[in-house]
């Protein structure tokens, strides 16, 4: 079940970006995931609670970037030159490609998924820095 949640280090970065959506689970001081045993009524924004970091599902994280930051990622397998996953980041309005990353070392889809989220976070951080200038 853990693979359904984004890792703690990326969840922390999402929290720093302002992620404030309700989640089923949370990371507690980045030491391990905590999932409430009684799920009904426990979906909440754990980021507002001390020493907790909301642990969104992968789908929640990608939806957050799509709806809040107007970004989406596409992952495809390519074996043109050598086997790898291709991660492309797009603007949701114009469908203009912002960047492409070839994950030659990624042998699993999940590694490409991590690369897509890391790059979405990087792009938003860069935008935030440029907006402050």
Foldseek 3Di string as FASTA:
>chain_A
DVLQWDQPVLLVLVVVLPDFFWAQWWQALSPDIDGDPDRVPRGGRCSVPPRIGGTHGLVVLQVCCCPPVQKHWDWDWDCPPHTWIKIWMARNPVRDTPDIDTGRVDPDVSVVSVVNSVVSSVVSVVVVVVVVD
